[in-house]
């Protein structure tokens, strides 16, 4: 019950936990005969958790709900009536949703001058949202420009491979063996690299500064007593 109460107080922690669980589940889901259906189901769970977090931010929840609804509807249609164009449309809408959710969390973290526990978890959750968003952008890129991430245009990179690339680029570790091969793919990778640097420099550093300032004030008040 204490864990549930904690997740209710800090929904950003729930979103971060869900995303990290997804990282561990994706290899098993991808290898499963029903991998596509399981991936779709887990994606719906992530959308629901992300919507709950967006409700706490100053951005419009209705737009996030509309984007999530479109993703769910298109996923259901693709499950019943598969079409080659639908996965690309779904990936584009999911990228838009994750970018919007990430922007909402950034607005939530910078709206005040107090670094709360939920905002620290929001910093981690925002990183995962950005990584997922760019991974879906890469899915769209390789569908529109074959050979963007694989020298063999007839063999696209799997979702987990593109997510691995996205996390490596966003964190600036550069350890991915998936390389952008076309001009469009390289442009997107450069944009994500820039976004990762700016996120650390502007958002994360601000939270750390606020936390340090709060501790300094608390220490000064303790010394006065």
Foldseek 3Di string as FASTA:
>chain_A
DVVVVVCVVQLLLVLLVLLVVCLVCLVVLVPDPNSLVVVLVSVLVSLVSLLVVLVLFPDDSVVLVVLSVVLNVLSVCCVVPNDPCSLLVSLQSLLVNLVVSLVRLLRRQPVDLAQDPSNVSSLSSSLSSLLSSLLSVVVNVCVVPFPQFHVDSVDDDDSSLSSVLSNCLLCVVPPHPTDGDDPVSVVSSVVSNVVSVCSCVPRVVSSVVSVVVVVVVVVVVVVVD
